[in-house]
């Protein structure tokens, strides 16, 4: 399998903390990112919940229902959330 380089920028302190946490797990950056890439490819999605809200306010919606609703057109976002709540 051919290998390629991926380059991107991250905050210096975030990288240092990330590397420290990885080291405690016996991993390095390359291994961690390869694991992430393989998991995304396996699941065909991000392997963890993404949210802009504090965890205490997150509602775990049924993914099939979210997909169905995301393909519809609403006048405003509140209608979509009301539909999800049903």
C-alpha atoms as a PDB file:
ATOM      1  CA  UNK A   1       0.000   0.000   0.000  1.00  0.00           C
ATOM      2  CA  UNK A   2       1.429   3.389  -1.012  1.00  0.00           C
ATOM      3  CA  UNK A   3       1.813   5.959   1.760  1.00  0.00           C
ATOM      4  CA  UNK A   4       1.179   9.715   1.443  1.00  0.00           C
ATOM      5  CA  UNK A   5       1.952  12.677   3.689  1.00  0.00           C
ATOM      6  CA  UNK A   6      -0.822  14.846   5.087  1.00  0.00           C
ATOM      7  CA  UNK A   7       0.083  18.311   6.367  1.00  0.00           C
ATOM      8  CA  UNK A   8      -2.153  20.626   8.387  1.00  0.00           C
ATOM      9  CA  UNK A   9      -1.817  23.241  11.096  1.00  0.00           C
ATOM     10  CA  UNK A  10      -3.089  22.968  14.663  1.00  0.00           C
ATOM     11  CA  UNK A  11      -2.725  25.064  17.776  1.00  0.00           C
ATOM     12  CA  UNK A  12       0.650  24.400  19.416  1.00  0.00           C
ATOM     13  CA  UNK A  13      -0.774  23.829  22.909  1.00  0.00           C
ATOM     14  CA  UNK A  14      -3.519  21.531  21.575  1.00  0.00           C
ATOM     15  CA  UNK A  15      -0.911  19.445  19.753  1.00  0.00           C
ATOM     16  CA  UNK A  16       1.278  19.191  22.847  1.00  0.00           C
ATOM     17  CA  UNK A  17      -1.660  18.102  25.017  1.00  0.00           C
ATOM     18  CA  UNK A  18      -2.794  15.663  22.316  1.00  0.00           C
ATOM     19  CA  UNK A  19       0.671  14.112  22.063  1.00  0.00           C
ATOM     20  CA  UNK A  20       0.872  13.822  25.864  1.00  0.00           C
ATOM     21  CA  UNK A  21      -2.485  12.041  25.993  1.00  0.00           C
ATOM     22  CA  UNK A  22      -1.500   9.762  23.118  1.00  0.00           C
ATOM     23  CA  UNK A  23       1.802   8.947  24.819  1.00  0.00           C
ATOM     24  CA  UNK A  24      -0.098   7.874  27.951  1.00  0.00           C
ATOM     25  CA  UNK A  25      -2.033   5.455  25.709  1.00  0.00           C
ATOM     26  CA  UNK A  26       1.132   4.190  24.027  1.00  0.00           C
ATOM     27  CA  UNK A  27       0.287   5.867  20.715  1.00  0.00           C
ATOM     28  CA  UNK A  28       1.860   8.504  18.487  1.00  0.00           C
ATOM     29  CA  UNK A  29       0.300  11.028  16.094  1.00  0.00           C
ATOM     30  CA  UNK A  30       0.678   8.861  13.007  1.00  0.00           C
ATOM     31  CA  UNK A  31      -0.929   5.839  14.631  1.00  0.00           C
ATOM     32  CA  UNK A  32      -3.776   7.907  16.096  1.00  0.00           C
ATOM     33  CA  UNK A  33      -4.605   9.568  12.780  1.00  0.00           C
ATOM     34  CA  UNK A  34      -4.407   6.264  10.906  1.00  0.00           C
ATOM     35  CA  UNK A  35      -6.834   4.789  13.451  1.00  0.00           C
ATOM     36  CA  UNK A  36      -9.166   7.781  12.990  1.00  0.00           C
ATOM     37  CA  UNK A  37      -9.052   7.505   9.172  1.00  0.00           C
ATOM     38  CA  UNK A  38      -9.751   3.766   9.224  1.00  0.00           C
ATOM     39  CA  UNK A  39     -12.667   4.227  11.653  1.00  0.00           C
ATOM     40  CA  UNK A  40     -14.224   7.009   9.529  1.00  0.00           C
ATOM     41  CA  UNK A  41     -13.915   4.804   6.446  1.00  0.00           C
ATOM     42  CA  UNK A  42     -15.381   1.823   8.304  1.00  0.00           C
ATOM     43  CA  UNK A  43     -18.343   3.743   9.752  1.00  0.00           C
ATOM     44  CA  UNK A  44     -18.775   6.130   6.806  1.00  0.00           C
ATOM     45  CA  UNK A  45     -18.957   8.975   9.303  1.00  0.00           C
ATOM     46  CA  UNK A  46     -17.244  10.709  12.206  1.00  0.00           C
ATOM     47  CA  UNK A  47     -16.850   8.081  14.963  1.00  0.00           C
ATOM     48  CA  UNK A  48     -17.953  10.408  17.756  1.00  0.00           C
ATOM     49  CA  UNK A  49     -20.773  12.860  18.446  1.00  0.00           C
ATOM     50  CA  UNK A  50     -20.192  16.418  17.227  1.00  0.00           C
ATOM     51  CA  UNK A  51     -21.978  19.233  19.009  1.00  0.00           C
ATOM     52  CA  UNK A  52     -21.732  22.950  19.604  1.00  0.00           C
ATOM     53  CA  UNK A  53     -23.789  22.655  22.786  1.00  0.00           C
ATOM     54  CA  UNK A  54     -22.731  21.661  26.281  1.00  0.00           C
ATOM     55  CA  UNK A  55     -23.135  17.906  26.796  1.00  0.00           C
ATOM     56  CA  UNK A  56     -25.993  18.428  29.242  1.00  0.00           C
ATOM     57  CA  UNK A  57     -28.087  20.041  26.501  1.00  0.00           C
ATOM     58  CA  UNK A  58     -27.460  17.478  23.763  1.00  0.00           C
ATOM     59  CA  UNK A  59     -30.355  15.287  22.718  1.00  0.00           C
ATOM     60  CA  UNK A  60     -29.407  12.020  21.039  1.00  0.00           C
ATOM     61  CA  UNK A  61     -31.764  11.827  18.034  1.00  0.00           C
ATOM     62  CA  UNK A  62     -32.433   8.734  15.943  1.00  0.00           C
ATOM     63  CA  UNK A  63     -30.028   8.975  12.985  1.00  0.00           C
ATOM     64  CA  UNK A  64     -32.587   7.681  10.460  1.00  0.00           C
ATOM     65  CA  UNK A  65     -35.059  10.332  11.549  1.00  0.00           C
ATOM     66  CA  UNK A  66     -32.385  13.049  11.358  1.00  0.00           C
ATOM     67  CA  UNK A  67     -31.474  11.954   7.828  1.00  0.00           C
ATOM     68  CA  UNK A  68     -35.109  11.992   6.738  1.00  0.00           C
ATOM     69  CA  UNK A  69     -35.713  15.440   8.236  1.00  0.00           C
ATOM     70  CA  UNK A  70     -32.454  16.863   6.861  1.00  0.00           C
ATOM     71  CA  UNK A  71     -33.712  16.198   3.341  1.00  0.00           C
ATOM     72  CA  UNK A  72     -36.858  18.260   3.841  1.00  0.00           C
ATOM     73  CA  UNK A  73     -37.265  22.026   3.556  1.00  0.00           C
ATOM     74  CA  UNK A  74     -38.466  24.016   6.564  1.00  0.00           C
ATOM     75  CA  UNK A  75     -39.324  27.706   6.902  1.00  0.00           C
ATOM     76  CA  UNK A  76     -36.962  27.972   9.878  1.00  0.00           C
ATOM     77  CA  UNK A  77     -34.789  25.754  12.024  1.00  0.00           C
ATOM     78  CA  UNK A  78     -37.300  25.597  14.894  1.00  0.00           C
ATOM     79  CA  UNK A  79     -39.716  23.624  12.698  1.00  0.00           C
ATOM     80  CA  UNK A  80     -37.020  21.020  12.091  1.00  0.00           C
ATOM     81  CA  UNK A  81     -36.336  20.691  15.828  1.00  0.00           C
ATOM     82  CA  UNK A  82     -40.059  20.403  16.539  1.00  0.00           C
ATOM     83  CA  UNK A  83     -40.253  17.608  13.984  1.00  0.00           C
ATOM     84  CA  UNK A  84     -37.317  15.831  15.612  1.00  0.00           C
ATOM     85  CA  UNK A  85     -39.006  16.035  19.011  1.00  0.00           C
ATOM     86  CA  UNK A  86     -42.072  14.143  17.737  1.00  0.00           C
END
